[in-house]
Full PDB file with SEQRES, HELIX, SHEET, SSBOND, CRYST1, ORIGX, SCALE, CONECT and MASTER records, all heavy atoms in Angstrom:
SEQRES   1 A   30  GLN GLU ARG ALA ALA ALA VAL MET ALA GLN TRP LEU ALA          
SEQRES   2 A   30  LEU PRO ASP HIS ALA ARG GLN ILE THR LYS SER MET MET          
SEQRES   3 A   30  ARG LYS THR VAL                                              
HELIX    1 AA1 GLU A    2  LEU A   12  1                                  11    
HELIX    2 AA2 ASP A   16  ARG A   27  1                                  12    
CRYST1    1.000    1.000    1.000  90.00  90.00  90.00 P 1           1          
ORIGX1      1.000000  0.000000  0.000000        0.00000                         
ORIGX2      0.000000  1.000000  0.000000        0.00000                         
ORIGX3      0.000000  0.000000  1.000000        0.00000                         
SCALE1      1.000000  0.000000  0.000000        0.00000                         
SCALE2      0.000000  1.000000  0.000000        0.00000                         
SCALE3      0.000000  0.000000  1.000000        0.00000                         
ATOM      1  N   GLN A   1     126.521  -8.098  18.310  1.00  0.00           N  
ATOM      2  CA  GLN A   1     126.342  -7.224  19.480  1.00  0.00           C  
ATOM      3  C   GLN A   1     125.790  -5.861  19.076  1.00  0.00           C  
ATOM      4  O   GLN A   1     124.894  -5.316  19.722  1.00  0.00           O  
ATOM      5  CB  GLN A   1     127.662  -7.066  20.261  1.00  0.00           C  
ATOM      6  CG  GLN A   1     128.134  -8.340  20.948  1.00  0.00           C  
ATOM      7  CD  GLN A   1     127.055  -9.018  21.820  1.00  0.00           C  
ATOM      8  OE1 GLN A   1     126.305  -8.370  22.546  1.00  0.00           O  
ATOM      9  NE2 GLN A   1     126.976 -10.338  21.733  1.00  0.00           N  
ATOM     10  N   GLU A   2     126.314  -5.350  17.978  1.00  0.00           N  
ATOM     11  CA  GLU A   2     125.864  -4.050  17.456  1.00  0.00           C  
ATOM     12  C   GLU A   2     124.369  -4.102  17.086  1.00  0.00           C  
ATOM     13  O   GLU A   2     123.598  -3.202  17.396  1.00  0.00           O  
ATOM     14  CB  GLU A   2     126.725  -3.758  16.226  1.00  0.00           C  
ATOM     15  CG  GLU A   2     126.496  -2.473  15.498  1.00  0.00           C  
ATOM     16  CD  GLU A   2     127.245  -2.480  14.152  1.00  0.00           C  
ATOM     17  OE1 GLU A   2     128.398  -2.992  14.097  1.00  0.00           O  
ATOM     18  OE2 GLU A   2     126.664  -2.000  13.172  1.00  0.00           O  
ATOM     19  N   ARG A   3     123.959  -5.188  16.445  1.00  0.00           N  
ATOM     20  CA  ARG A   3     122.561  -5.336  16.043  1.00  0.00           C  
ATOM     21  C   ARG A   3     121.654  -5.506  17.265  1.00  0.00           C  
ATOM     22  O   ARG A   3     120.564  -4.933  17.325  1.00  0.00           O  
ATOM     23  CB  ARG A   3     122.434  -6.545  15.099  1.00  0.00           C  
ATOM     24  CG  ARG A   3     121.029  -6.764  14.561  1.00  0.00           C  
ATOM     25  CD  ARG A   3     120.515  -5.585  13.749  1.00  0.00           C  
ATOM     26  NE  ARG A   3     119.093  -5.733  13.458  1.00  0.00           N  
ATOM     27  CZ  ARG A   3     118.233  -4.722  13.389  1.00  0.00           C  
ATOM     28  NH1 ARG A   3     118.639  -3.481  13.589  1.00  0.00           N  
ATOM     29  NH2 ARG A   3     116.960  -4.933  13.119  1.00  0.00           N  
ATOM     30  N   ALA A   4     122.124  -6.283  18.244  1.00  0.00           N  
ATOM     31  CA  ALA A   4     121.348  -6.465  19.477  1.00  0.00           C  
ATOM     32  C   ALA A   4     121.132  -5.115  20.175  1.00  0.00           C  
ATOM     33  O   ALA A   4     120.029  -4.821  20.650  1.00  0.00           O  
ATOM     34  CB  ALA A   4     122.057  -7.441  20.415  1.00  0.00           C  
ATOM     35  N   ALA A   5     122.167  -4.282  20.196  1.00  0.00           N  
ATOM     36  CA  ALA A   5     122.054  -2.955  20.817  1.00  0.00           C  
ATOM     37  C   ALA A   5     121.060  -2.080  20.049  1.00  0.00           C  
ATOM     38  O   ALA A   5     120.262  -1.344  20.653  1.00  0.00           O  
ATOM     39  CB  ALA A   5     123.430  -2.286  20.870  1.00  0.00           C  
ATOM     40  N   ALA A   6     121.082  -2.177  18.714  1.00  0.00           N  
ATOM     41  CA  ALA A   6     120.172  -1.368  17.887  1.00  0.00           C  
ATOM     42  C   ALA A   6     118.719  -1.798  18.088  1.00  0.00           C  
ATOM     43  O   ALA A   6     117.811  -0.962  18.215  1.00  0.00           O  
ATOM     44  CB  ALA A   6     120.562  -1.485  16.413  1.00  0.00           C  
ATOM     45  N   VAL A   7     118.474  -3.109  18.129  1.00  0.00           N  
ATOM     46  CA  VAL A   7     117.115  -3.615  18.363  1.00  0.00           C  
ATOM     47  C   VAL A   7     116.653  -3.215  19.762  1.00  0.00           C  
ATOM     48  O   VAL A   7     115.512  -2.777  19.960  1.00  0.00           O  
ATOM     49  CB  VAL A   7     117.051  -5.151  18.183  1.00  0.00           C  
ATOM     50  CG1 VAL A   7     115.704  -5.698  18.631  1.00  0.00           C  
ATOM     51  CG2 VAL A   7     117.298  -5.521  16.722  1.00  0.00           C  
ATOM     52  N   MET A   8     117.545  -3.338  20.739  1.00  0.00           N  
ATOM     53  CA  MET A   8     117.212  -2.955  22.114  1.00  0.00           C  
ATOM     54  C   MET A   8     116.780  -1.488  22.167  1.00  0.00           C  
ATOM     55  O   MET A   8     115.782  -1.144  22.805  1.00  0.00           O  
ATOM     56  CB  MET A   8     118.421  -3.200  23.026  1.00  0.00           C  
ATOM     57  CG  MET A   8     118.182  -2.853  24.479  1.00  0.00           C  
ATOM     58  SD  MET A   8     116.896  -3.872  25.272  1.00  0.00           S  
ATOM     59  CE  MET A   8     117.835  -5.334  25.718  1.00  0.00           C  
ATOM     60  N   ALA A   9     117.511  -0.621  21.459  1.00  0.00           N  
ATOM     61  CA  ALA A   9     117.172   0.813  21.447  1.00  0.00           C  
ATOM     62  C   ALA A   9     115.765   1.042  20.894  1.00  0.00           C  
ATOM     63  O   ALA A   9     115.020   1.887  21.398  1.00  0.00           O  
ATOM     64  CB  ALA A   9     118.214   1.589  20.629  1.00  0.00           C  
ATOM     65  N   GLN A  10     115.389   0.256  19.859  1.00  0.00           N  
ATOM     66  CA  GLN A  10     114.031   0.334  19.291  1.00  0.00           C  
ATOM     67  C   GLN A  10     112.981   0.014  20.356  1.00  0.00           C  
ATOM     68  O   GLN A  10     111.978   0.702  20.495  1.00  0.00           O  
ATOM     69  CB  GLN A  10     113.864  -0.716  18.184  1.00  0.00           C  
ATOM     70  CG  GLN A  10     114.213  -0.251  16.798  1.00  0.00           C  
ATOM     71  CD  GLN A  10     114.052  -1.431  15.814  1.00  0.00           C  
ATOM     72  OE1 GLN A  10     114.215  -2.600  16.165  1.00  0.00           O  
ATOM     73  NE2 GLN A  10     113.753  -1.120  14.563  1.00  0.00           N  
ATOM     74  N   TRP A  11     113.207  -1.081  21.099  1.00  0.00           N  
ATOM     75  CA  TRP A  11     112.245  -1.518  22.113  1.00  0.00           C  
ATOM     76  C   TRP A  11     112.201  -0.536  23.271  1.00  0.00           C  
ATOM     77  O   TRP A  11     111.135  -0.291  23.842  1.00  0.00           O  
ATOM     78  CB  TRP A  11     112.605  -2.923  22.618  1.00  0.00           C  
ATOM     79  CG  TRP A  11     112.228  -4.014  21.658  1.00  0.00           C  
ATOM     80  CD1 TRP A  11     112.798  -4.259  20.436  1.00  0.00           C  
ATOM     81  CD2 TRP A  11     111.198  -5.000  21.820  1.00  0.00           C  
ATOM     82  NE1 TRP A  11     112.189  -5.340  19.839  1.00  0.00           N  
ATOM     83  CE2 TRP A  11     111.209  -5.822  20.670  1.00  0.00           C  
ATOM     84  CE3 TRP A  11     110.281  -5.288  22.830  1.00  0.00           C  
ATOM     85  CZ2 TRP A  11     110.331  -6.890  20.494  1.00  0.00           C  
ATOM     86  CZ3 TRP A  11     109.408  -6.365  22.667  1.00  0.00           C  
ATOM     87  CH2 TRP A  11     109.440  -7.144  21.495  1.00  0.00           C  
ATOM     88  N   LEU A  12     113.357   0.039  23.610  1.00  0.00           N  
ATOM     89  CA  LEU A  12     113.409   0.957  24.756  1.00  0.00           C  
ATOM     90  C   LEU A  12     112.893   2.359  24.409  1.00  0.00           C  
ATOM     91  O   LEU A  12     112.735   3.196  25.286  1.00  0.00           O  
ATOM     92  CB  LEU A  12     114.828   1.043  25.321  1.00  0.00           C  
ATOM     93  CG  LEU A  12     115.357  -0.232  25.998  1.00  0.00           C  
ATOM     94  CD1 LEU A  12     116.749  -0.004  26.554  1.00  0.00           C  
ATOM     95  CD2 LEU A  12     114.416  -0.725  27.105  1.00  0.00           C  
ATOM     96  N   ALA A  13     112.621   2.585  23.118  1.00  0.00           N  
ATOM     97  CA  ALA A  13     112.074   3.891  22.720  1.00  0.00           C  
ATOM     98  C   ALA A  13     110.624   4.048  23.178  1.00  0.00           C  
ATOM     99  O   ALA A  13     110.075   5.145  23.193  1.00  0.00           O  
ATOM    100  CB  ALA A  13     112.173   4.059  21.203  1.00  0.00           C  
ATOM    101  N   LEU A  14     109.996   2.933  23.548  1.00  0.00           N  
ATOM    102  CA  LEU A  14     108.598   2.988  24.004  1.00  0.00           C  
ATOM    103  C   LEU A  14     108.519   3.266  25.498  1.00  0.00           C  
ATOM    104  O   LEU A  14     109.435   2.926  26.238  1.00  0.00           O  
ATOM    105  CB  LEU A  14     107.912   1.649  23.716  1.00  0.00           C  
ATOM    106  CG  LEU A  14     107.593   1.456  22.243  1.00  0.00           C  
ATOM    107  CD1 LEU A  14     108.514   0.437  21.640  1.00  0.00           C  
ATOM    108  CD2 LEU A  14     106.146   1.078  22.075  1.00  0.00           C  
ATOM    109  N   PRO A  15     107.381   3.824  25.946  1.00  0.00           N  
ATOM    110  CA  PRO A  15     107.205   3.985  27.398  1.00  0.00           C  
ATOM    111  C   PRO A  15     107.180   2.601  28.068  1.00  0.00           C  
ATOM    112  O   PRO A  15     106.422   1.731  27.664  1.00  0.00           O  
ATOM    113  CB  PRO A  15     105.835   4.665  27.522  1.00  0.00           C  
ATOM    114  CG  PRO A  15     105.514   5.188  26.164  1.00  0.00           C  
ATOM    115  CD  PRO A  15     106.241   4.339  25.177  1.00  0.00           C  
ATOM    116  N   ASP A  16     108.032   2.444  29.088  1.00  0.00           N  
ATOM    117  CA  ASP A  16     108.167   1.138  29.759  1.00  0.00           C  
ATOM    118  C   ASP A  16     106.837   0.568  30.219  1.00  0.00           C  
ATOM    119  O   ASP A  16     106.542  -0.597  30.001  1.00  0.00           O  
ATOM    120  CB  ASP A  16     109.089   1.260  30.979  1.00  0.00           C  
ATOM    121  CG  ASP A  16     110.563   1.234  30.590  1.00  0.00           C  
ATOM    122  OD1 ASP A  16     110.885   0.885  29.438  1.00  0.00           O  
ATOM    123  OD2 ASP A  16     111.392   1.564  31.445  1.00  0.00           O  
ATOM    124  N   HIS A  17     106.028   1.410  30.909  1.00  0.00           N  
ATOM    125  CA  HIS A  17     104.821   0.864  31.557  1.00  0.00           C  
ATOM    126  C   HIS A  17     103.853   0.262  30.530  1.00  0.00           C  
ATOM    127  O   HIS A  17     103.304  -0.801  30.756  1.00  0.00           O  
ATOM    128  CB  HIS A  17     104.120   1.913  32.425  1.00  0.00           C  
ATOM    129  CG  HIS A  17     103.537   3.037  31.641  1.00  0.00           C  
ATOM    130  ND1 HIS A  17     104.307   4.077  31.153  1.00  0.00           N  
ATOM    131  CD2 HIS A  17     102.268   3.275  31.222  1.00  0.00           C  
ATOM    132  CE1 HIS A  17     103.534   4.909  30.480  1.00  0.00           C  
ATOM    133  NE2 HIS A  17     102.295   4.456  30.497  1.00  0.00           N  
ATOM    134  N   ALA A  18     103.686   0.921  29.397  1.00  0.00           N  
ATOM    135  CA  ALA A  18     102.746   0.420  28.383  1.00  0.00           C  
ATOM    136  C   ALA A  18     103.249  -0.903  27.803  1.00  0.00           C  
ATOM    137  O   ALA A  18     102.487  -1.859  27.622  1.00  0.00           O  
ATOM    138  CB  ALA A  18     102.562   1.450  27.272  1.00  0.00           C  
ATOM    139  N   ARG A  19     104.552  -0.957  27.527  1.00  0.00           N  
ATOM    140  CA  ARG A  19     105.138  -2.185  26.989  1.00  0.00           C  
ATOM    141  C   ARG A  19     105.068  -3.315  28.021  1.00  0.00           C  
ATOM    142  O   ARG A  19     104.710  -4.449  27.699  1.00  0.00           O  
ATOM    143  CB  ARG A  19     106.597  -1.931  26.575  1.00  0.00           C  
ATOM    144  CG  ARG A  19     107.255  -3.131  25.929  1.00  0.00           C  
ATOM    145  CD  ARG A  19     108.759  -3.003  25.853  1.00  0.00           C  
ATOM    146  NE  ARG A  19     109.366  -2.739  27.150  1.00  0.00           N  
ATOM    147  CZ  ARG A  19     109.477  -3.635  28.143  1.00  0.00           C  
ATOM    148  NH1 ARG A  19     109.000  -4.850  27.991  1.00  0.00           N  
ATOM    149  NH2 ARG A  19     110.036  -3.301  29.282  1.00  0.00           N  
ATOM    150  N   GLN A  20     105.368  -2.997  29.280  1.00  0.00           N  
ATOM    151  CA  GLN A  20     105.360  -4.015  30.338  1.00  0.00           C  
ATOM    152  C   GLN A  20     103.960  -4.599  30.554  1.00  0.00           C  
ATOM    153  O   GLN A  20     103.800  -5.816  30.695  1.00  0.00           O  
ATOM    154  CB  GLN A  20     105.866  -3.417  31.663  1.00  0.00           C  
ATOM    155  CG  GLN A  20     107.364  -3.186  31.671  1.00  0.00           C  
ATOM    156  CD  GLN A  20     107.814  -2.278  32.822  1.00  0.00           C  
ATOM    157  OE1 GLN A  20     106.999  -1.761  33.585  1.00  0.00           O  
ATOM    158  NE2 GLN A  20     109.108  -2.093  32.939  1.00  0.00           N  
ATOM    159  N   ILE A  21     102.949  -3.736  30.563  1.00  0.00           N  
ATOM    160  CA  ILE A  21     101.571  -4.209  30.783  1.00  0.00           C  
ATOM    161  C   ILE A  21     101.143  -5.097  29.614  1.00  0.00           C  
ATOM    162  O   ILE A  21     100.512  -6.143  29.795  1.00  0.00           O  
ATOM    163  CB  ILE A  21     100.596  -3.025  30.997  1.00  0.00           C  
ATOM    164  CG1 ILE A  21     100.896  -2.357  32.347  1.00  0.00           C  
ATOM    165  CG2 ILE A  21      99.143  -3.491  30.950  1.00  0.00           C  
ATOM    166  CD1 ILE A  21     100.252  -0.986  32.521  1.00  0.00           C  
ATOM    167  N   THR A  22     101.532  -4.691  28.402  1.00  0.00           N  
ATOM    168  CA  THR A  22     101.207  -5.490  27.216  1.00  0.00           C  
ATOM    169  C   THR A  22     101.880  -6.856  27.281  1.00  0.00           C  
ATOM    170  O   THR A  22     101.243  -7.895  27.041  1.00  0.00           O  
ATOM    171  CB  THR A  22     101.646  -4.745  25.935  1.00  0.00           C  
ATOM    172  OG1 THR A  22     101.055  -3.446  25.933  1.00  0.00           O  
ATOM    173  CG2 THR A  22     101.217  -5.495  24.683  1.00  0.00           C  
ATOM    174  N   LYS A  23     103.157  -6.856  27.639  1.00  0.00           N  
ATOM    175  CA  LYS A  23     103.904  -8.123  27.742  1.00  0.00           C  
ATOM    176  C   LYS A  23     103.249  -9.039  28.775  1.00  0.00           C  
ATOM    177  O   LYS A  23     103.034 -10.226  28.532  1.00  0.00           O  
ATOM    178  CB  LYS A  23     105.358  -7.831  28.136  1.00  0.00           C  
ATOM    179  CG  LYS A  23     106.227  -9.076  28.306  1.00  0.00           C  
ATOM    180  CD  LYS A  23     107.676  -8.684  28.566  1.00  0.00           C  
ATOM    181  CE  LYS A  23     108.583  -9.895  28.703  1.00  0.00           C  
ATOM    182  NZ  LYS A  23     110.009  -9.536  28.795  1.00  0.00           N  
ATOM    183  N   SER A  24     102.929  -8.466  29.921  1.00  0.00           N  
ATOM    184  CA  SER A  24     102.322  -9.237  30.997  1.00  0.00           C  
ATOM    185  C   SER A  24     100.980  -9.829  30.554  1.00  0.00           C  
ATOM    186  O   SER A  24     100.676 -10.994  30.814  1.00  0.00           O  
ATOM    187  CB  SER A  24     102.154  -8.333  32.220  1.00  0.00           C  
ATOM    188  OG  SER A  24     101.291  -8.925  33.135  1.00  0.00           O  
ATOM    189  N   MET A  25     100.197  -9.026  29.848  1.00  0.00           N  
ATOM    190  CA  MET A  25      98.892  -9.476  29.349  1.00  0.00           C  
ATOM    191  C   MET A  25      99.060 -10.653  28.372  1.00  0.00           C  
ATOM    192  O   MET A  25      98.322 -11.628  28.415  1.00  0.00           O  
ATOM    193  CB  MET A  25      98.240  -8.283  28.650  1.00  0.00           C  
ATOM    194  CG  MET A  25      96.857  -8.486  28.107  1.00  0.00           C  
ATOM    195  SD  MET A  25      96.187  -6.888  27.548  1.00  0.00           S  
ATOM    196  CE  MET A  25      97.246  -6.520  26.133  1.00  0.00           C  
ATOM    197  N   MET A  26     100.078 -10.562  27.511  1.00  0.00           N  
ATOM    198  CA  MET A  26     100.312 -11.610  26.512  1.00  0.00           C  
ATOM    199  C   MET A  26     100.805 -12.910  27.149  1.00  0.00           C  
ATOM    200  O   MET A  26     100.529 -13.996  26.656  1.00  0.00           O  
ATOM    201  CB  MET A  26     101.362 -11.146  25.488  1.00  0.00           C  
ATOM    202  CG  MET A  26     100.967  -9.947  24.637  1.00  0.00           C  
ATOM    203  SD  MET A  26      99.577 -10.236  23.532  1.00  0.00           S  
ATOM    204  CE  MET A  26     100.250 -11.421  22.370  1.00  0.00           C  
ATOM    205  N   ARG A  27     101.546 -12.791  28.245  1.00  0.00           N  
ATOM    206  CA  ARG A  27     102.252 -13.960  28.790  1.00  0.00           C  
ATOM    207  C   ARG A  27     101.635 -14.534  30.057  1.00  0.00           C  
ATOM    208  O   ARG A  27     102.028 -15.615  30.488  1.00  0.00           O  
ATOM    209  CB  ARG A  27     103.718 -13.587  29.052  1.00  0.00           C  
ATOM    210  CG  ARG A  27     104.443 -13.213  27.768  1.00  0.00           C  
ATOM    211  CD  ARG A  27     105.936 -13.034  27.954  1.00  0.00           C  
ATOM    212  NE  ARG A  27     106.595 -12.919  26.651  1.00  0.00           N  
ATOM    213  CZ  ARG A  27     107.883 -13.121  26.431  1.00  0.00           C  
ATOM    214  NH1 ARG A  27     108.673 -13.441  27.442  1.00  0.00           N  
ATOM    215  NH2 ARG A  27     108.391 -13.001  25.221  1.00  0.00           N  
ATOM    216  N   LYS A  28     100.682 -13.822  30.629  1.00  0.00           N  
ATOM    217  CA  LYS A  28     100.151 -14.187  31.946  1.00  0.00           C  
ATOM    218  C   LYS A  28      99.596 -15.615  31.999  1.00  0.00           C  
ATOM    219  O   LYS A  28      99.889 -16.368  32.927  1.00  0.00           O  
ATOM    220  CB  LYS A  28      99.066 -13.173  32.353  1.00  0.00           C  
ATOM    221  CG  LYS A  28      98.593 -13.341  33.790  1.00  0.00           C  
ATOM    222  CD  LYS A  28      97.567 -12.287  34.155  1.00  0.00           C  
ATOM    223  CE  LYS A  28      97.164 -12.357  35.606  1.00  0.00           C  
ATOM    224  NZ  LYS A  28      96.784 -13.688  36.099  1.00  0.00           N  
ATOM    225  N   THR A  29      98.810 -15.998  31.008  1.00  0.00           N  
ATOM    226  CA  THR A  29      98.162 -17.318  31.023  1.00  0.00           C  
ATOM    227  C   THR A  29      99.183 -18.445  31.117  1.00  0.00           C  
ATOM    228  O   THR A  29      99.026 -19.385  31.900  1.00  0.00           O  
ATOM    229  CB  THR A  29      97.315 -17.505  29.737  1.00  0.00           C  
ATOM    230  OG1 THR A  29      96.551 -16.320  29.549  1.00  0.00           O  
ATOM    231  CG2 THR A  29      96.379 -18.690  29.855  1.00  0.00           C  
ATOM    232  N   VAL A  30     100.258 -18.318  30.321  1.00  0.00           N  
ATOM    233  CA  VAL A  30     101.287 -19.359  30.289  1.00  0.00           C  
ATOM    234  C   VAL A  30     102.063 -19.388  31.609  1.00  0.00           C  
ATOM    235  O   VAL A  30     102.347 -20.455  32.162  1.00  0.00           O  
ATOM    236  CB  VAL A  30     102.232 -19.132  29.078  1.00  0.00           C  
ATOM    237  CG1 VAL A  30     103.380 -20.116  29.080  1.00  0.00           C  
ATOM    238  CG2 VAL A  30     101.445 -19.271  27.783  1.00  0.00           C  
TER     239      VAL A  30                                                      
MASTER        0    0    0    2    0    0    0    6  238    1    0    3          
END                                                                             
């Protein structure tokens, strides 16, 4: 749980919109 929280903090350190658009671009076709 501690490690999951630490990894989550790493991912949440980025601006949401940029990460979300990138994720959507990567996954849209599937």
